[in-house]
N, C-alpha and C. Protein backbone atom coordinates (compact mmCIF):
# COMPACT_ATOMS: atom_id res chain seq x y z
N UNK A 1 6.36 81.50 -87.55
CA UNK A 1 7.30 80.86 -86.64
C UNK A 1 8.29 80.00 -87.42
N UNK A 2 7.79 79.22 -88.38
CA UNK A 2 8.66 78.37 -89.19
C UNK A 2 9.62 79.21 -90.01
N UNK A 3 9.14 80.35 -90.51
CA UNK A 3 10.00 81.23 -91.30
C UNK A 3 11.13 81.78 -90.45
N UNK A 4 10.82 82.19 -89.20
CA UNK A 4 11.85 82.71 -88.30
C UNK A 4 12.89 81.64 -88.01
N UNK A 5 12.42 80.40 -87.74
CA UNK A 5 13.34 79.29 -87.48
C UNK A 5 14.22 79.02 -88.70
N UNK A 6 13.62 79.04 -89.88
CA UNK A 6 14.38 78.79 -91.11
C UNK A 6 15.43 79.88 -91.33
N UNK A 7 15.07 81.13 -91.05
CA UNK A 7 16.04 82.23 -91.23
C UNK A 7 17.18 82.10 -90.23
N UNK A 8 16.88 81.71 -88.99
CA UNK A 8 17.93 81.52 -88.00
C UNK A 8 18.88 80.40 -88.40
N UNK A 9 18.31 79.29 -88.87
CA UNK A 9 19.15 78.17 -89.34
C UNK A 9 19.95 78.60 -90.56
N UNK A 10 19.33 79.34 -91.45
CA UNK A 10 20.00 79.79 -92.67
C UNK A 10 21.23 80.62 -92.33
N UNK A 11 21.10 81.49 -91.33
CA UNK A 11 22.24 82.31 -90.92
C UNK A 11 23.32 81.50 -90.23
N UNK A 12 22.95 80.36 -89.64
CA UNK A 12 23.92 79.55 -88.91
C UNK A 12 24.75 78.68 -89.84
N UNK A 13 24.39 78.61 -91.13
CA UNK A 13 25.13 77.75 -92.05
C UNK A 13 26.41 78.41 -92.56
N UNK A 14 26.61 79.68 -92.24
CA UNK A 14 27.77 80.40 -92.70
C UNK A 14 28.67 80.74 -91.52
N UNK A 15 29.98 80.59 -91.71
CA UNK A 15 30.96 80.86 -90.65
C UNK A 15 31.98 81.84 -91.21
N UNK A 16 32.30 82.86 -90.42
CA UNK A 16 33.34 83.80 -90.81
C UNK A 16 34.04 84.28 -89.56
N UNK A 17 35.38 84.20 -89.55
CA UNK A 17 36.13 84.70 -88.41
C UNK A 17 37.54 85.07 -88.86
N UNK A 18 38.21 85.86 -88.04
CA UNK A 18 39.57 86.31 -88.31
C UNK A 18 40.48 85.77 -87.20
N UNK A 19 41.67 85.35 -87.59
CA UNK A 19 42.61 84.81 -86.60
C UNK A 19 44.04 85.14 -87.02
N UNK A 20 44.93 85.35 -86.05
CA UNK A 20 46.34 85.60 -86.37
C UNK A 20 47.15 84.30 -86.30
N UNK A 21 48.20 84.25 -87.09
CA UNK A 21 49.15 83.13 -87.01
C UNK A 21 50.55 83.69 -86.90
N UNK A 22 51.31 83.18 -85.95
CA UNK A 22 52.72 83.59 -85.83
C UNK A 22 53.52 82.96 -86.96
N UNK A 23 54.76 83.34 -87.07
CA UNK A 23 55.63 82.82 -88.11
C UNK A 23 55.74 81.30 -88.02
N UNK A 24 55.54 80.61 -89.13
CA UNK A 24 55.64 79.16 -89.28
C UNK A 24 54.59 78.39 -88.47
N UNK A 25 53.55 79.05 -88.00
CA UNK A 25 52.52 78.39 -87.20
C UNK A 25 51.46 77.76 -88.11
N UNK A 26 50.92 76.64 -87.66
CA UNK A 26 49.87 75.91 -88.37
C UNK A 26 48.64 75.86 -87.48
N UNK A 27 47.48 76.15 -88.05
CA UNK A 27 46.23 76.08 -87.28
C UNK A 27 45.19 75.36 -88.13
N UNK A 28 44.47 74.43 -87.51
CA UNK A 28 43.45 73.65 -88.21
C UNK A 28 42.09 73.87 -87.54
N UNK A 29 41.05 73.89 -88.36
CA UNK A 29 39.68 74.03 -87.89
C UNK A 29 38.88 72.85 -88.44
N UNK A 30 38.00 72.31 -87.62
CA UNK A 30 37.18 71.19 -88.06
C UNK A 30 35.72 71.57 -88.14
N UNK A 31 35.02 70.96 -89.06
CA UNK A 31 33.59 71.21 -89.22
C UNK A 31 32.94 69.92 -89.71
N UNK A 32 31.93 69.47 -89.01
CA UNK A 32 31.19 68.30 -89.47
C UNK A 32 30.20 68.79 -90.51
N UNK A 33 30.32 68.25 -91.72
CA UNK A 33 29.49 68.69 -92.84
C UNK A 33 28.68 67.50 -93.31
N UNK A 34 27.41 67.75 -93.60
CA UNK A 34 26.47 66.70 -93.98
C UNK A 34 26.75 66.08 -95.34
N UNK A 35 25.93 65.12 -95.68
CA UNK A 35 26.07 64.39 -96.93
C UNK A 35 25.66 65.25 -98.11
N UNK A 36 26.39 65.11 -99.20
CA UNK A 36 26.09 65.78 -100.47
C UNK A 36 25.80 67.27 -100.30
N UNK A 37 26.62 67.94 -99.50
CA UNK A 37 26.45 69.38 -99.26
C UNK A 37 27.48 70.15 -100.08
N UNK A 38 27.06 71.28 -100.61
CA UNK A 38 27.97 72.19 -101.29
C UNK A 38 28.72 72.99 -100.23
N UNK A 39 30.04 73.07 -100.38
CA UNK A 39 30.88 73.83 -99.45
C UNK A 39 31.65 74.86 -100.26
N UNK A 40 31.54 76.13 -99.85
CA UNK A 40 32.25 77.22 -100.51
C UNK A 40 32.94 78.03 -99.43
N UNK A 41 34.19 78.36 -99.66
CA UNK A 41 34.92 79.14 -98.65
C UNK A 41 36.07 79.90 -99.25
N UNK A 42 36.69 80.72 -98.42
CA UNK A 42 37.86 81.47 -98.86
C UNK A 42 38.73 81.82 -97.65
N UNK A 43 40.00 82.02 -97.94
CA UNK A 43 40.96 82.49 -96.94
C UNK A 43 41.61 83.73 -97.51
N UNK A 44 41.52 84.83 -96.78
CA UNK A 44 42.09 86.09 -97.22
C UNK A 44 43.15 86.50 -96.21
N UNK A 45 44.36 86.83 -96.69
CA UNK A 45 45.45 87.19 -95.80
C UNK A 45 46.14 88.45 -96.31
N UNK A 46 46.89 89.08 -95.41
CA UNK A 46 47.63 90.28 -95.81
C UNK A 46 49.01 89.93 -96.35
N UNK A 47 49.21 88.68 -96.70
CA UNK A 47 50.46 88.21 -97.30
C UNK A 47 50.14 87.02 -98.19
N UNK A 48 51.05 86.71 -99.10
CA UNK A 48 50.82 85.56 -99.99
C UNK A 48 51.63 84.34 -99.56
N UNK A 49 52.28 84.40 -98.42
CA UNK A 49 53.14 83.31 -97.99
C UNK A 49 52.43 82.41 -96.98
N UNK A 50 51.48 81.67 -97.47
CA UNK A 50 50.80 80.70 -96.62
C UNK A 50 50.28 79.57 -97.49
N UNK A 51 49.88 78.49 -96.84
CA UNK A 51 49.31 77.36 -97.57
C UNK A 51 47.99 76.98 -96.92
N UNK A 52 47.11 76.42 -97.72
CA UNK A 52 45.81 75.95 -97.26
C UNK A 52 45.67 74.48 -97.63
N UNK A 53 45.28 73.68 -96.65
CA UNK A 53 45.07 72.25 -96.91
C UNK A 53 43.69 71.87 -96.38
N UNK A 54 42.89 71.24 -97.23
CA UNK A 54 41.57 70.75 -96.83
C UNK A 54 41.61 69.23 -96.90
N UNK A 55 41.29 68.58 -95.80
CA UNK A 55 41.34 67.12 -95.83
C UNK A 55 40.29 66.51 -94.92
N UNK A 56 40.05 65.24 -95.19
CA UNK A 56 39.10 64.45 -94.40
C UNK A 56 39.91 63.38 -93.67
N UNK A 57 40.09 63.52 -92.36
CA UNK A 57 40.83 62.48 -91.64
C UNK A 57 40.00 61.19 -91.59
N UNK A 58 40.59 60.12 -92.04
CA UNK A 58 39.92 58.82 -91.99
C UNK A 58 40.75 57.88 -91.15
N UNK A 59 40.24 56.68 -90.91
CA UNK A 59 40.91 55.76 -89.99
C UNK A 59 42.31 55.38 -90.47
N UNK A 60 42.44 55.05 -91.75
CA UNK A 60 43.74 54.57 -92.23
C UNK A 60 44.46 55.57 -93.13
N UNK A 61 43.71 56.36 -93.87
CA UNK A 61 44.32 57.24 -94.87
C UNK A 61 43.90 58.68 -94.59
N UNK A 62 44.81 59.62 -94.78
CA UNK A 62 44.50 61.03 -94.67
C UNK A 62 44.20 61.53 -96.08
N UNK A 63 42.93 61.64 -96.41
CA UNK A 63 42.50 62.00 -97.75
C UNK A 63 42.52 63.52 -97.91
N UNK A 64 43.46 64.03 -98.70
CA UNK A 64 43.56 65.47 -98.91
C UNK A 64 42.70 65.85 -100.11
N UNK A 65 41.72 66.72 -99.86
CA UNK A 65 40.84 67.17 -100.93
C UNK A 65 41.50 68.25 -101.76
N UNK A 66 42.17 69.18 -101.10
CA UNK A 66 42.76 70.30 -101.81
C UNK A 66 43.97 70.79 -101.05
N UNK A 67 45.01 71.11 -101.78
CA UNK A 67 46.20 71.68 -101.16
C UNK A 67 46.67 72.82 -102.04
N UNK A 68 46.69 74.01 -101.51
CA UNK A 68 47.10 75.18 -102.28
C UNK A 68 48.24 75.86 -101.55
N UNK A 69 49.10 76.51 -102.30
CA UNK A 69 50.31 77.07 -101.74
C UNK A 69 50.50 78.51 -102.24
N UNK A 70 50.63 79.44 -101.32
CA UNK A 70 50.99 80.83 -101.62
C UNK A 70 50.05 81.51 -102.61
N UNK A 71 48.81 81.65 -102.23
CA UNK A 71 47.85 82.39 -103.04
C UNK A 71 47.24 83.48 -102.17
N UNK A 72 47.10 84.70 -102.72
CA UNK A 72 46.63 85.80 -101.89
C UNK A 72 45.18 85.66 -101.48
N UNK A 73 44.31 85.26 -102.37
CA UNK A 73 42.93 85.00 -102.01
C UNK A 73 42.62 83.58 -102.45
N UNK A 74 42.60 82.68 -101.50
CA UNK A 74 42.40 81.27 -101.82
C UNK A 74 40.93 80.93 -101.65
N UNK A 75 40.25 80.71 -102.76
CA UNK A 75 38.85 80.29 -102.72
C UNK A 75 38.79 78.79 -102.98
N UNK A 76 37.86 78.14 -102.36
CA UNK A 76 37.69 76.71 -102.58
C UNK A 76 36.22 76.37 -102.56
N UNK A 77 35.88 75.31 -103.27
CA UNK A 77 34.51 74.79 -103.26
C UNK A 77 34.56 73.31 -103.62
N UNK A 78 33.70 72.56 -102.99
CA UNK A 78 33.58 71.14 -103.28
C UNK A 78 32.23 70.66 -102.76
N UNK A 79 31.82 69.49 -103.20
CA UNK A 79 30.60 68.87 -102.73
C UNK A 79 31.00 67.64 -101.92
N UNK A 80 30.43 67.51 -100.74
CA UNK A 80 30.79 66.39 -99.88
C UNK A 80 30.25 65.09 -100.46
N UNK A 81 30.83 64.00 -100.00
CA UNK A 81 30.42 62.68 -100.51
C UNK A 81 29.21 62.16 -99.73
N UNK A 82 28.94 60.89 -99.84
CA UNK A 82 27.73 60.32 -99.25
C UNK A 82 27.83 60.06 -97.76
N UNK A 83 28.97 60.35 -97.17
CA UNK A 83 29.09 60.13 -95.73
C UNK A 83 29.34 61.46 -95.04
N UNK A 84 28.85 61.54 -93.82
CA UNK A 84 29.05 62.76 -93.03
C UNK A 84 30.40 62.64 -92.35
N UNK A 85 31.26 63.61 -92.58
CA UNK A 85 32.62 63.54 -92.06
C UNK A 85 32.99 64.85 -91.38
N UNK A 86 34.06 64.77 -90.61
CA UNK A 86 34.64 65.96 -90.00
C UNK A 86 35.72 66.48 -90.94
N UNK A 87 35.40 67.48 -91.71
CA UNK A 87 36.35 68.07 -92.65
C UNK A 87 37.25 69.04 -91.90
N UNK A 88 38.54 69.02 -92.21
CA UNK A 88 39.47 69.92 -91.56
C UNK A 88 40.08 70.87 -92.57
N UNK A 89 40.21 72.11 -92.14
CA UNK A 89 40.78 73.18 -92.95
C UNK A 89 42.01 73.68 -92.20
N UNK A 90 43.20 73.45 -92.78
CA UNK A 90 44.45 73.82 -92.12
C UNK A 90 45.11 74.96 -92.87
N UNK A 91 45.50 75.99 -92.13
CA UNK A 91 46.21 77.14 -92.69
C UNK A 91 47.57 77.19 -92.05
N UNK A 92 48.61 77.28 -92.90
CA UNK A 92 49.99 77.28 -92.42
C UNK A 92 50.67 78.58 -92.86
N UNK A 93 51.16 79.34 -91.89
CA UNK A 93 51.87 80.59 -92.18
C UNK A 93 53.31 80.24 -92.55
N UNK A 94 53.68 80.49 -93.79
CA UNK A 94 55.03 80.17 -94.26
C UNK A 94 55.97 81.37 -94.16
N UNK A 95 55.45 82.54 -93.80
CA UNK A 95 56.26 83.76 -93.74
C UNK A 95 57.07 83.81 -92.44
N UNK A 96 58.03 84.72 -92.42
CA UNK A 96 58.86 84.90 -91.23
C UNK A 96 58.24 85.91 -90.26
N UNK A 97 57.06 86.41 -90.57
CA UNK A 97 56.35 87.36 -89.72
C UNK A 97 54.93 86.84 -89.49
N UNK A 98 54.26 87.42 -88.51
CA UNK A 98 52.88 87.04 -88.24
C UNK A 98 51.94 87.55 -89.32
N UNK A 99 50.91 86.80 -89.60
CA UNK A 99 49.92 87.16 -90.63
C UNK A 99 48.53 87.04 -90.01
N UNK A 100 47.64 87.94 -90.39
CA UNK A 100 46.24 87.87 -89.98
C UNK A 100 45.42 87.28 -91.12
N UNK A 101 44.57 86.33 -90.80
CA UNK A 101 43.77 85.62 -91.80
C UNK A 101 42.29 85.86 -91.56
N UNK A 102 41.54 85.94 -92.63
CA UNK A 102 40.08 86.00 -92.58
C UNK A 102 39.56 84.74 -93.26
N UNK A 103 38.87 83.90 -92.50
CA UNK A 103 38.40 82.59 -92.98
C UNK A 103 36.89 82.64 -93.10
N UNK A 104 36.37 82.26 -94.27
CA UNK A 104 34.93 82.23 -94.52
C UNK A 104 34.55 80.84 -95.01
N UNK A 105 33.47 80.30 -94.47
CA UNK A 105 32.99 78.98 -94.87
C UNK A 105 31.48 79.00 -94.93
N UNK A 106 30.92 78.58 -96.04
CA UNK A 106 29.47 78.49 -96.20
C UNK A 106 29.13 77.09 -96.69
N UNK A 107 28.08 76.51 -96.11
CA UNK A 107 27.66 75.16 -96.52
C UNK A 107 26.17 75.14 -96.82
N UNK A 108 25.76 74.14 -97.54
CA UNK A 108 24.34 73.96 -97.83
C UNK A 108 23.75 75.08 -98.65
N UNK A 109 22.59 75.57 -98.23
CA UNK A 109 21.88 76.61 -98.96
C UNK A 109 22.64 77.92 -98.97
N UNK A 110 23.39 78.19 -97.91
CA UNK A 110 24.13 79.44 -97.83
C UNK A 110 25.23 79.51 -98.88
N UNK A 111 25.68 78.35 -99.36
CA UNK A 111 26.76 78.31 -100.34
C UNK A 111 26.26 78.48 -101.77
N UNK A 112 24.97 78.34 -101.98
CA UNK A 112 24.44 78.42 -103.34
C UNK A 112 24.22 79.88 -103.75
N UNK A 113 24.48 80.15 -105.01
CA UNK A 113 24.32 81.50 -105.57
C UNK A 113 22.99 81.58 -106.29
N UNK A 114 22.03 82.28 -105.68
CA UNK A 114 20.69 82.37 -106.26
C UNK A 114 20.56 83.51 -107.27
N UNK A 115 21.58 84.34 -107.39
CA UNK A 115 21.49 85.44 -108.36
C UNK A 115 21.48 84.89 -109.78
N UNK A 116 22.25 83.82 -110.02
CA UNK A 116 22.25 83.20 -111.36
C UNK A 116 20.92 82.55 -111.67
N UNK A 117 20.31 81.92 -110.64
CA UNK A 117 19.01 81.28 -110.83
C UNK A 117 17.96 82.35 -111.15
N UNK A 118 18.04 83.50 -110.46
CA UNK A 118 17.07 84.57 -110.68
C UNK A 118 17.16 85.12 -112.10
N UNK A 119 18.39 85.27 -112.61
CA UNK A 119 18.56 85.77 -113.97
C UNK A 119 18.09 84.75 -114.99
N UNK A 120 18.37 83.49 -114.74
CA UNK A 120 18.05 82.44 -115.70
C UNK A 120 16.54 82.22 -115.80
N UNK A 121 15.85 82.24 -114.65
CA UNK A 121 14.42 81.94 -114.64
C UNK A 121 13.56 83.19 -114.57
N UNK A 122 14.17 84.36 -114.55
CA UNK A 122 13.46 85.64 -114.49
C UNK A 122 12.48 85.66 -113.30
N UNK A 123 13.05 85.48 -112.09
CA UNK A 123 12.23 85.41 -110.89
C UNK A 123 12.17 86.75 -110.18
N UNK A 124 11.07 86.96 -109.48
CA UNK A 124 10.90 88.15 -108.66
C UNK A 124 11.60 87.92 -107.32
N UNK A 125 11.91 88.98 -106.58
CA UNK A 125 12.61 88.81 -105.29
C UNK A 125 11.88 87.89 -104.31
N UNK A 126 10.56 87.97 -104.27
CA UNK A 126 9.82 87.10 -103.35
C UNK A 126 9.92 85.64 -103.77
N UNK A 127 9.96 85.39 -105.07
CA UNK A 127 10.11 84.02 -105.57
C UNK A 127 11.50 83.47 -105.24
N UNK A 128 12.50 84.35 -105.33
CA UNK A 128 13.86 83.93 -104.96
C UNK A 128 13.89 83.57 -103.48
N UNK A 129 13.26 84.40 -102.66
CA UNK A 129 13.21 84.14 -101.23
C UNK A 129 12.49 82.82 -100.93
N UNK A 130 11.40 82.55 -101.65
CA UNK A 130 10.69 81.29 -101.46
C UNK A 130 11.54 80.09 -101.88
N UNK A 131 12.30 80.25 -102.96
CA UNK A 131 13.20 79.16 -103.39
C UNK A 131 14.25 78.89 -102.32
N UNK A 132 14.79 79.99 -101.74
CA UNK A 132 15.77 79.83 -100.67
C UNK A 132 15.16 79.11 -99.47
N UNK A 133 13.96 79.52 -99.08
CA UNK A 133 13.30 78.88 -97.93
C UNK A 133 12.98 77.42 -98.22
N UNK A 134 12.55 77.12 -99.45
CA UNK A 134 12.27 75.74 -99.83
C UNK A 134 13.54 74.90 -99.74
N UNK A 135 14.62 75.43 -100.28
CA UNK A 135 15.89 74.71 -100.19
C UNK A 135 16.36 74.56 -98.76
N UNK A 136 16.12 75.60 -97.95
CA UNK A 136 16.51 75.55 -96.56
C UNK A 136 15.72 74.49 -95.80
N UNK A 137 14.43 74.40 -96.07
CA UNK A 137 13.61 73.38 -95.42
C UNK A 137 14.10 71.99 -95.81
N UNK A 138 14.45 71.80 -97.08
CA UNK A 138 14.99 70.50 -97.52
C UNK A 138 16.30 70.18 -96.82
N UNK A 139 17.16 71.20 -96.68
CA UNK A 139 18.45 70.94 -96.01
C UNK A 139 18.25 70.67 -94.52
N UNK A 140 17.26 71.33 -93.88
CA UNK A 140 16.97 71.05 -92.47
C UNK A 140 16.45 69.63 -92.32
N UNK A 141 15.59 69.18 -93.23
CA UNK A 141 15.09 67.80 -93.19
C UNK A 141 16.23 66.80 -93.35
N UNK A 142 17.15 67.09 -94.28
CA UNK A 142 18.30 66.22 -94.49
C UNK A 142 19.18 66.17 -93.25
N UNK A 143 19.39 67.34 -92.64
CA UNK A 143 20.20 67.41 -91.42
C UNK A 143 19.52 66.63 -90.29
N UNK A 144 18.21 66.71 -90.19
CA UNK A 144 17.48 65.98 -89.17
C UNK A 144 17.64 64.47 -89.37
N UNK A 145 17.56 64.02 -90.63
CA UNK A 145 17.76 62.60 -90.91
C UNK A 145 19.17 62.16 -90.50
N UNK A 146 20.17 62.99 -90.81
CA UNK A 146 21.54 62.65 -90.45
C UNK A 146 21.72 62.61 -88.94
N UNK A 147 21.07 63.53 -88.23
CA UNK A 147 21.15 63.52 -86.76
C UNK A 147 20.50 62.26 -86.20
N UNK A 148 19.36 61.87 -86.77
CA UNK A 148 18.69 60.65 -86.32
C UNK A 148 19.56 59.42 -86.59
N UNK A 149 20.24 59.39 -87.74
CA UNK A 149 21.13 58.26 -88.04
C UNK A 149 22.30 58.21 -87.06
N UNK A 150 22.89 59.38 -86.77
CA UNK A 150 23.99 59.42 -85.80
C UNK A 150 23.52 58.99 -84.43
N UNK A 151 22.32 59.43 -84.05
CA UNK A 151 21.78 59.07 -82.74
C UNK A 151 21.53 57.56 -82.67
N UNK A 152 21.01 56.96 -83.74
CA UNK A 152 20.78 55.51 -83.75
C UNK A 152 22.10 54.76 -83.64
N UNK A 153 23.13 55.24 -84.35
CA UNK A 153 24.45 54.60 -84.28
C UNK A 153 25.02 54.70 -82.87
N UNK A 154 24.90 55.88 -82.27
CA UNK A 154 25.41 56.05 -80.91
C UNK A 154 24.64 55.19 -79.92
N UNK A 155 23.32 55.08 -80.10
CA UNK A 155 22.51 54.24 -79.22
C UNK A 155 22.95 52.79 -79.32
N UNK A 156 23.21 52.33 -80.55
CA UNK A 156 23.68 50.95 -80.74
C UNK A 156 25.02 50.74 -80.05
N UNK A 157 25.94 51.71 -80.21
CA UNK A 157 27.25 51.60 -79.56
C UNK A 157 27.13 51.60 -78.04
N UNK A 158 26.26 52.46 -77.51
CA UNK A 158 26.08 52.52 -76.06
C UNK A 158 25.47 51.21 -75.57
N UNK A 159 24.53 50.65 -76.33
CA UNK A 159 23.93 49.38 -75.92
C UNK A 159 24.97 48.27 -75.87
N UNK A 160 25.85 48.22 -76.86
CA UNK A 160 26.91 47.20 -76.88
C UNK A 160 27.84 47.38 -75.68
N UNK A 161 28.22 48.63 -75.41
CA UNK A 161 29.11 48.89 -74.27
C UNK A 161 28.42 48.55 -72.96
N UNK A 162 27.14 48.88 -72.83
CA UNK A 162 26.39 48.56 -71.60
C UNK A 162 26.36 47.05 -71.37
N UNK A 163 26.11 46.32 -72.44
CA UNK A 163 26.08 44.86 -72.34
C UNK A 163 27.43 44.32 -71.86
N UNK A 164 28.51 44.85 -72.43
CA UNK A 164 29.85 44.41 -72.02
C UNK A 164 30.13 44.76 -70.56
N UNK A 165 29.67 45.95 -70.13
CA UNK A 165 29.88 46.35 -68.73
C UNK A 165 29.10 45.44 -67.79
N UNK A 166 27.87 45.08 -68.18
CA UNK A 166 27.07 44.17 -67.34
C UNK A 166 27.74 42.81 -67.23
N UNK A 167 28.23 42.29 -68.36
CA UNK A 167 28.93 40.99 -68.34
C UNK A 167 30.19 41.07 -67.48
N UNK A 168 30.96 42.15 -67.63
CA UNK A 168 32.18 42.32 -66.84
C UNK A 168 31.84 42.43 -65.36
N UNK A 169 30.78 43.18 -65.02
CA UNK A 169 30.38 43.33 -63.62
C UNK A 169 29.94 42.00 -63.02
N UNK A 170 29.16 41.24 -63.78
CA UNK A 170 28.71 39.93 -63.29
C UNK A 170 29.91 39.00 -63.09
N UNK A 171 30.84 39.00 -64.04
CA UNK A 171 32.04 38.18 -63.91
C UNK A 171 32.88 38.58 -62.71
N UNK A 172 33.01 39.88 -62.49
CA UNK A 172 33.76 40.37 -61.34
C UNK A 172 33.09 39.96 -60.03
N UNK A 173 31.76 40.07 -59.99
CA UNK A 173 31.02 39.68 -58.78
C UNK A 173 31.20 38.19 -58.49
N UNK A 174 31.11 37.36 -59.51
CA UNK A 174 31.31 35.91 -59.32
C UNK A 174 32.72 35.63 -58.84
N UNK A 175 33.71 36.29 -59.45
CA UNK A 175 35.10 36.08 -59.05
C UNK A 175 35.33 36.52 -57.61
N UNK A 176 34.75 37.65 -57.21
CA UNK A 176 34.91 38.12 -55.83
C UNK A 176 34.25 37.16 -54.84
N UNK A 177 33.08 36.62 -55.21
CA UNK A 177 32.39 35.66 -54.34
C UNK A 177 33.23 34.40 -54.17
N UNK A 178 33.77 33.88 -55.26
CA UNK A 178 34.64 32.69 -55.18
C UNK A 178 35.89 32.96 -54.36
N UNK A 179 36.47 34.13 -54.55
CA UNK A 179 37.68 34.49 -53.79
C UNK A 179 37.36 34.57 -52.30
N UNK A 180 36.24 35.18 -51.93
CA UNK A 180 35.85 35.27 -50.51
C UNK A 180 35.60 33.87 -49.93
N UNK A 181 34.94 33.00 -50.71
CA UNK A 181 34.66 31.64 -50.25
C UNK A 181 35.97 30.88 -50.00
N UNK A 182 36.92 31.00 -50.94
CA UNK A 182 38.21 30.30 -50.80
C UNK A 182 38.97 30.85 -49.60
N UNK A 183 38.97 32.17 -49.43
CA UNK A 183 39.68 32.77 -48.29
C UNK A 183 39.04 32.34 -46.97
N UNK A 184 37.72 32.31 -46.92
CA UNK A 184 37.04 31.90 -45.68
C UNK A 184 37.37 30.46 -45.34
N UNK A 185 37.41 29.58 -46.34
CA UNK A 185 37.78 28.17 -46.10
C UNK A 185 39.20 28.04 -45.62
N UNK A 186 40.11 28.79 -46.25
CA UNK A 186 41.51 28.70 -45.84
C UNK A 186 41.71 29.23 -44.42
N UNK A 187 41.01 30.31 -44.09
CA UNK A 187 41.11 30.83 -42.72
C UNK A 187 40.55 29.82 -41.72
N UNK A 188 39.44 29.18 -42.07
CA UNK A 188 38.83 28.19 -41.19
C UNK A 188 39.79 27.02 -40.97
N UNK A 189 40.41 26.54 -42.07
CA UNK A 189 41.37 25.44 -41.95
C UNK A 189 42.60 25.87 -41.14
N UNK A 190 43.05 27.10 -41.32
CA UNK A 190 44.21 27.61 -40.58
C UNK A 190 43.91 27.65 -39.08
N UNK A 191 42.70 28.15 -38.74
CA UNK A 191 42.34 28.24 -37.33
C UNK A 191 42.16 26.84 -36.72
N UNK A 192 41.68 25.87 -37.50
CA UNK A 192 41.54 24.50 -37.01
C UNK A 192 42.91 23.88 -36.76
N UNK A 193 43.88 24.15 -37.68
CA UNK A 193 45.24 23.60 -37.50
C UNK A 193 45.89 24.20 -36.24
N UNK A 194 45.62 25.45 -35.95
CA UNK A 194 46.19 26.11 -34.78
C UNK A 194 45.37 25.84 -33.53
N UNK A 195 44.27 25.10 -33.72
CA UNK A 195 43.36 24.70 -32.63
C UNK A 195 42.79 25.92 -31.92
N UNK A 196 42.48 26.96 -32.75
CA UNK A 196 41.81 28.13 -32.20
C UNK A 196 40.30 28.00 -32.30
N UNK A 197 39.82 27.04 -33.08
CA UNK A 197 38.38 26.83 -33.22
C UNK A 197 38.04 25.48 -32.60
């Protein structure tokens, strides 16, 4: 059962799709990638007139990791830093005609090349498979820790917002009660002045 789960997760770490871009069109894709993960990808097009930009949007600065211009097969690879971020991959069609693009992205264990490890350590196919599964289990544990950290952060944020909403609601209730009391007194005084009471 664990092996089946690991294989399903292993297959989910790789993304590949094809998309068209009209002339001068820009399209960006985002992917949340974990801490210290290897990222390998490529963009293949039927023209060389396009650009690829990989960046991490941050609060104050737009940190561009890689910017390439007019390459027929643009391959990229990098290792993420210690924070989990939403990495964006932007492809811009610079041609005067539409272009079809094939985008491939692999992260974590799926991005590692085990053929070199097999040659270096003279491993059998089953040993290579076990190394992949071991690495996959480690990456799943790391992903679980990151999910727990994100959940704890969100819980803290929700708790702060709930507290503020409770304070605002209590303040609003007190203000409405005071307003009703003042209005009732003014109406009572008005009716007394008109000698209706």
